[in-house]
Amino acid sequence: MAVITKKKAAVKNKHATQKKAAKKAPRKRRPRKIEQMLNAEIMFVNYQMTAKAIAETLNITEKTIGDWRAKGGWDAKRDEFFASPLKIRQLLLTEMKRIAEGEPASIDADSLSKIVKAFEATSDKLSPPIIVAAMQMLDNFMAEYNPELAVQCLDAHRAFIQHVISING
């Protein structure tokens, strides 16, 4: 009789353990460090924030930001992000100013006419790269003015940029 009781107790204990295991589902949220690293990367790459500003905003050491920056190749990502039509447009404007001031052109006249045409084509529209640049300026200002609010607005700004891209292509 004692053997049956022990078996029943073992089976009952096994079922209780299985129920506890079923209740402990794995967390679906990302760990806090990964979330911070992703936010830091967005701040550095897209919004050109300094490591110091990111560290202060996210309450992380600058060394950690530097480590993430090196491991994630953030500098290369930032360079790619800013090799945009907006930067090209700024270079075209600089060349036009040099010529207007009487300096010699660094390109030939045919190329210059193409540059002017490209400049005029980009000056009438608010293209996604221009909107991205404006949002980055806003976010940089907000990061200095109110860092906590800047972090809260990142998702909304990213969603807005994606919306503009979906509309304008």
C-alpha atoms as a PDB file:
ATOM      1  CA  MET A   1       0.000   0.000   0.000  1.00  0.00           C
ATOM      2  CA  ALA A   2       2.850   2.354   0.781  1.00  0.00           C
ATOM      3  CA  VAL A   3       4.368   1.771  -2.683  1.00  0.00           C
ATOM      4  CA  ILE A   4       1.176   2.864  -4.456  1.00  0.00           C
ATOM      5  CA  THR A   5       1.019   6.033  -2.366  1.00  0.00           C
ATOM      6  CA  LYS A   6       4.606   6.890  -3.273  1.00  0.00           C
ATOM      7  CA  LYS A   7       3.847   6.326  -6.967  1.00  0.00           C
ATOM      8  CA  LYS A   8       0.765   8.533  -6.782  1.00  0.00           C
ATOM      9  CA  ALA A   9       2.774  11.221  -5.019  1.00  0.00           C
ATOM     10  CA  ALA A  10       5.511  11.012  -7.661  1.00  0.00           C
ATOM     11  CA  VAL A  11       2.978  11.272 -10.513  1.00  0.00           C
ATOM     12  CA  LYS A  12       1.220  14.180  -8.806  1.00  0.00           C
ATOM     13  CA  ASN A  13       4.552  15.937  -8.233  1.00  0.00           C
ATOM     14  CA  LYS A  14       5.518  15.349 -11.899  1.00  0.00           C
ATOM     15  CA  HIS A  15       2.271  16.955 -13.117  1.00  0.00           C
ATOM     16  CA  ALA A  16       2.768  19.942 -10.814  1.00  0.00           C
ATOM     17  CA  THR A  17       6.306  20.415 -12.148  1.00  0.00           C
ATOM     18  CA  GLN A  18       5.044  20.252 -15.748  1.00  0.00           C
ATOM     19  CA  LYS A  19       2.374  22.880 -15.005  1.00  0.00           C
ATOM     20  CA  LYS A  20       5.013  25.197 -13.514  1.00  0.00           C
ATOM     21  CA  ALA A  21       7.222  24.710 -16.566  1.00  0.00           C
ATOM     22  CA  ALA A  22       4.286  25.478 -18.865  1.00  0.00           C
ATOM     23  CA  LYS A  23       3.555  28.701 -16.982  1.00  0.00           C
ATOM     24  CA  LYS A  24       7.163  29.896 -17.361  1.00  0.00           C
ATOM     25  CA  ALA A  25       7.048  30.795 -21.043  1.00  0.00           C
ATOM     26  CA  PRO A  26      10.191  32.392 -22.430  1.00  0.00           C
ATOM     27  CA  ARG A  27      10.223  36.179 -22.544  1.00  0.00           C
ATOM     28  CA  LYS A  28       9.389  37.526 -25.962  1.00  0.00           C
ATOM     29  CA  ARG A  29      10.914  40.944 -25.302  1.00  0.00           C
ATOM     30  CA  ARG A  30      14.482  41.653 -26.225  1.00  0.00           C
ATOM     31  CA  PRO A  31      16.887  41.949 -23.346  1.00  0.00           C
ATOM     32  CA  ARG A  32      17.427  45.528 -22.194  1.00  0.00           C
ATOM     33  CA  LYS A  33      21.040  45.675 -23.421  1.00  0.00           C
ATOM     34  CA  ILE A  34      20.079  44.680 -26.963  1.00  0.00           C
ATOM     35  CA  GLU A  35      17.294  47.270 -26.973  1.00  0.00           C
ATOM     36  CA  GLN A  36      19.753  49.916 -25.779  1.00  0.00           C
ATOM     37  CA  MET A  37      22.311  48.883 -28.386  1.00  0.00           C
ATOM     38  CA  LEU A  38      19.750  49.171 -31.204  1.00  0.00           C
ATOM     39  CA  ASN A  39      18.602  52.592 -29.985  1.00  0.00           C
ATOM     40  CA  ALA A  40      22.218  53.730 -29.677  1.00  0.00           C
ATOM     41  CA  GLU A  41      22.965  52.581 -33.227  1.00  0.00           C
ATOM     42  CA  ILE A  42      19.964  54.494 -34.612  1.00  0.00           C
ATOM     43  CA  MET A  43      21.010  57.604 -32.705  1.00  0.00           C
ATOM     44  CA  PHE A  44      24.581  57.352 -34.008  1.00  0.00           C
ATOM     45  CA  VAL A  45      23.957  56.316 -37.612  1.00  0.00           C
ATOM     46  CA  ASN A  46      20.730  58.094 -38.507  1.00  0.00           C
ATOM     47  CA  TYR A  47      20.791  61.090 -36.202  1.00  0.00           C
ATOM     48  CA  GLN A  48      24.557  61.739 -36.001  1.00  0.00           C
ATOM     49  CA  MET A  49      24.540  61.948 -32.224  1.00  0.00           C
ATOM     50  CA  THR A  50      27.906  61.765 -30.483  1.00  0.00           C
ATOM     51  CA  ALA A  51      28.879  58.837 -28.289  1.00  0.00           C
ATOM     52  CA  LYS A  52      28.811  61.174 -25.289  1.00  0.00           C
ATOM     53  CA  ALA A  53      25.260  62.376 -26.039  1.00  0.00           C
ATOM     54  CA  ILE A  54      24.064  58.812 -26.587  1.00  0.00           C
ATOM     55  CA  ALA A  55      25.714  57.659 -23.360  1.00  0.00           C
ATOM     56  CA  GLU A  56      24.031  60.441 -21.396  1.00  0.00           C
ATOM     57  CA  THR A  57      20.652  59.840 -23.025  1.00  0.00           C
ATOM     58  CA  LEU A  58      20.632  56.074 -22.498  1.00  0.00           C
ATOM     59  CA  ASN A  59      22.551  56.145 -19.189  1.00  0.00           C
ATOM     60  CA  ILE A  60      25.357  53.938 -20.538  1.00  0.00           C
ATOM     61  CA  THR A  61      29.107  54.496 -20.442  1.00  0.00           C
ATOM     62  CA  GLU A  62      30.861  56.030 -23.435  1.00  0.00           C
ATOM     63  CA  LYS A  63      33.171  53.002 -23.484  1.00  0.00           C
ATOM     64  CA  THR A  64      30.185  50.709 -24.051  1.00  0.00           C
ATOM     65  CA  ILE A  65      28.988  52.921 -26.902  1.00  0.00           C
ATOM     66  CA  GLY A  66      32.514  52.843 -28.361  1.00  0.00           C
ATOM     67  CA  ASP A  67      32.637  49.045 -28.138  1.00  0.00           C
ATOM     68  CA  TRP A  68      29.248  48.686 -29.839  1.00  0.00           C
ATOM     69  CA  ARG A  69      30.321  51.229 -32.454  1.00  0.00           C
ATOM     70  CA  ALA A  70      33.460  49.247 -33.318  1.00  0.00           C
ATOM     71  CA  LYS A  71      31.805  45.810 -33.302  1.00  0.00           C
ATOM     72  CA  GLY A  72      28.764  46.933 -35.289  1.00  0.00           C
ATOM     73  CA  GLY A  73      30.625  48.930 -37.923  1.00  0.00           C
ATOM     74  CA  TRP A  74      28.536  52.008 -37.157  1.00  0.00           C
ATOM     75  CA  ASP A  75      30.948  54.426 -38.851  1.00  0.00           C
ATOM     76  CA  ALA A  76      30.604  52.654 -42.205  1.00  0.00           C
ATOM     77  CA  LYS A  77      26.829  52.537 -41.805  1.00  0.00           C
ATOM     78  CA  ARG A  78      26.768  56.258 -41.045  1.00  0.00           C
ATOM     79  CA  ASP A  79      28.877  57.012 -44.134  1.00  0.00           C
ATOM     80  CA  GLU A  80      26.539  54.952 -46.326  1.00  0.00           C
ATOM     81  CA  PHE A  81      23.479  56.617 -44.839  1.00  0.00           C
ATOM     82  CA  PHE A  82      24.778  60.099 -45.585  1.00  0.00           C
ATOM     83  CA  ALA A  83      25.950  59.385 -49.128  1.00  0.00           C
ATOM     84  CA  SER A  84      22.489  60.477 -50.131  1.00  0.00           C
ATOM     85  CA  PRO A  85      21.041  62.753 -52.786  1.00  0.00           C
ATOM     86  CA  LEU A  86      20.888  65.520 -50.195  1.00  0.00           C
ATOM     87  CA  LYS A  87      24.664  65.448 -49.749  1.00  0.00           C
ATOM     88  CA  ILE A  88      25.168  65.306 -53.507  1.00  0.00           C
ATOM     89  CA  ARG A  89      22.855  68.295 -53.872  1.00  0.00           C
ATOM     90  CA  GLN A  90      24.916  70.203 -51.309  1.00  0.00           C
ATOM     91  CA  LEU A  91      28.096  69.443 -53.269  1.00  0.00           C
ATOM     92  CA  LEU A  92      26.447  70.703 -56.456  1.00  0.00           C
ATOM     93  CA  LEU A  93      25.454  73.916 -54.725  1.00  0.00           C
ATOM     94  CA  THR A  94      29.020  74.414 -53.483  1.00  0.00           C
ATOM     95  CA  GLU A  95      30.382  73.980 -57.015  1.00  0.00           C
ATOM     96  CA  MET A  96      27.843  76.477 -58.377  1.00  0.00           C
ATOM     97  CA  LYS A  97      28.879  79.017 -55.722  1.00  0.00           C
ATOM     98  CA  ARG A  98      32.566  78.583 -56.562  1.00  0.00           C
ATOM     99  CA  ILE A  99      31.905  79.328 -60.225  1.00  0.00           C
ATOM    100  CA  ALA A 100      29.656  82.292 -59.380  1.00  0.00           C
ATOM    101  CA  GLU A 101      32.496  83.745 -57.277  1.00  0.00           C
ATOM    102  CA  GLY A 102      34.845  83.570 -60.260  1.00  0.00           C
ATOM    103  CA  GLU A 103      36.833  80.531 -59.210  1.00  0.00           C
ATOM    104  CA  PRO A 104      37.724  78.021 -61.905  1.00  0.00           C
ATOM    105  CA  ALA A 105      35.338  75.121 -62.349  1.00  0.00           C
ATOM    106  CA  SER A 106      36.590  71.786 -61.170  1.00  0.00           C
ATOM    107  CA  ILE A 107      34.492  70.156 -63.904  1.00  0.00           C
ATOM    108  CA  ASP A 108      33.892  70.967 -67.575  1.00  0.00           C
ATOM    109  CA  ALA A 109      30.980  73.081 -68.871  1.00  0.00           C
ATOM    110  CA  ASP A 110      29.004  70.129 -70.194  1.00  0.00           C
ATOM    111  CA  SER A 111      29.208  68.439 -66.838  1.00  0.00           C
ATOM    112  CA  LEU A 112      28.293  71.704 -65.160  1.00  0.00           C
ATOM    113  CA  SER A 113      25.109  72.036 -67.211  1.00  0.00           C
ATOM    114  CA  LYS A 114      24.173  68.530 -66.145  1.00  0.00           C
ATOM    115  CA  ILE A 115      24.871  69.493 -62.553  1.00  0.00           C
ATOM    116  CA  VAL A 116      22.647  72.574 -62.813  1.00  0.00           C
ATOM    117  CA  LYS A 117      19.877  70.475 -64.336  1.00  0.00           C
ATOM    118  CA  ALA A 118      20.207  67.934 -61.532  1.00  0.00           C
ATOM    119  CA  PHE A 119      20.146  70.730 -58.966  1.00  0.00           C
ATOM    120  CA  GLU A 120      16.992  72.246 -60.446  1.00  0.00           C
ATOM    121  CA  ALA A 121      15.308  68.850 -60.546  1.00  0.00           C
ATOM    122  CA  THR A 122      15.902  68.369 -56.840  1.00  0.00           C
ATOM    123  CA  SER A 123      15.056  71.890 -55.714  1.00  0.00           C
ATOM    124  CA  ASP A 124      11.282  71.717 -56.298  1.00  0.00           C
ATOM    125  CA  LYS A 125      10.419  68.631 -54.282  1.00  0.00           C
ATOM    126  CA  LEU A 126      10.629  67.417 -50.736  1.00  0.00           C
ATOM    127  CA  SER A 127      12.108  64.031 -51.437  1.00  0.00           C
ATOM    128  CA  PRO A 128      12.526  61.398 -48.731  1.00  0.00           C
ATOM    129  CA  PRO A 129      16.260  62.165 -48.265  1.00  0.00           C
ATOM    130  CA  ILE A 130      15.441  65.826 -47.657  1.00  0.00           C
ATOM    131  CA  ILE A 131      12.757  64.883 -45.145  1.00  0.00           C
ATOM    132  CA  VAL A 132      15.192  62.478 -43.456  1.00  0.00           C
ATOM    133  CA  ALA A 133      17.734  65.289 -43.182  1.00  0.00           C
ATOM    134  CA  ALA A 134      15.122  67.640 -41.704  1.00  0.00           C
ATOM    135  CA  MET A 135      14.023  64.995 -39.201  1.00  0.00           C
ATOM    136  CA  GLN A 136      17.662  64.441 -38.239  1.00  0.00           C
ATOM    137  CA  MET A 137      18.110  68.149 -37.639  1.00  0.00           C
ATOM    138  CA  LEU A 138      14.992  68.127 -35.469  1.00  0.00           C
ATOM    139  CA  ASP A 139      16.171  65.060 -33.559  1.00  0.00           C
ATOM    140  CA  ASN A 140      19.634  66.557 -33.010  1.00  0.00           C
ATOM    141  CA  PHE A 141      18.025  69.692 -31.636  1.00  0.00           C
ATOM    142  CA  MET A 142      15.705  67.646 -29.434  1.00  0.00           C
ATOM    143  CA  ALA A 143      18.631  65.537 -28.173  1.00  0.00           C
ATOM    144  CA  GLU A 144      20.244  68.695 -26.837  1.00  0.00           C
ATOM    145  CA  TYR A 145      17.015  70.356 -25.715  1.00  0.00           C
ATOM    146  CA  ASN A 146      15.310  67.347 -24.110  1.00  0.00           C
ATOM    147  CA  PRO A 147      17.138  63.989 -24.535  1.00  0.00           C
ATOM    148  CA  GLU A 148      14.376  61.908 -22.974  1.00  0.00           C
ATOM    149  CA  LEU A 149      11.779  63.329 -25.351  1.00  0.00           C
ATOM    150  CA  ALA A 150      14.145  62.752 -28.283  1.00  0.00           C
ATOM    151  CA  VAL A 151      14.366  59.048 -27.436  1.00  0.00           C
ATOM    152  CA  GLN A 152      10.575  58.814 -27.098  1.00  0.00           C
ATOM    153  CA  CYS A 153      10.077  60.386 -30.537  1.00  0.00           C
ATOM    154  CA  LEU A 154      12.520  58.159 -32.449  1.00  0.00           C
ATOM    155  CA  ASP A 155       9.927  55.503 -33.298  1.00  0.00           C
ATOM    156  CA  ALA A 156       7.374  58.076 -34.464  1.00  0.00           C
ATOM    157  CA  HIS A 157       9.955  59.833 -36.623  1.00  0.00           C
ATOM    158  CA  ARG A 158      11.092  56.544 -38.141  1.00  0.00           C
ATOM    159  CA  ALA A 159       7.460  55.644 -38.898  1.00  0.00           C
ATOM    160  CA  PHE A 160       6.891  59.045 -40.519  1.00  0.00           C
ATOM    161  CA  ILE A 161       9.952  58.628 -42.740  1.00  0.00           C
ATOM    162  CA  GLN A 162       8.765  55.161 -43.790  1.00  0.00           C
ATOM    163  CA  HIS A 163       5.340  56.657 -44.551  1.00  0.00           C
ATOM    164  CA  VAL A 164       6.885  59.351 -46.771  1.00  0.00           C
ATOM    165  CA  ILE A 165       8.977  56.745 -48.586  1.00  0.00           C
ATOM    166  CA  SER A 166       5.921  54.558 -49.176  1.00  0.00           C
ATOM    167  CA  ILE A 167       4.054  57.531 -50.674  1.00  0.00           C
ATOM    168  CA  ASN A 168       6.888  58.972 -52.771  1.00  0.00           C
ATOM    169  CA  GLY A 169       8.835  55.849 -53.547  1.00  0.00           C
END
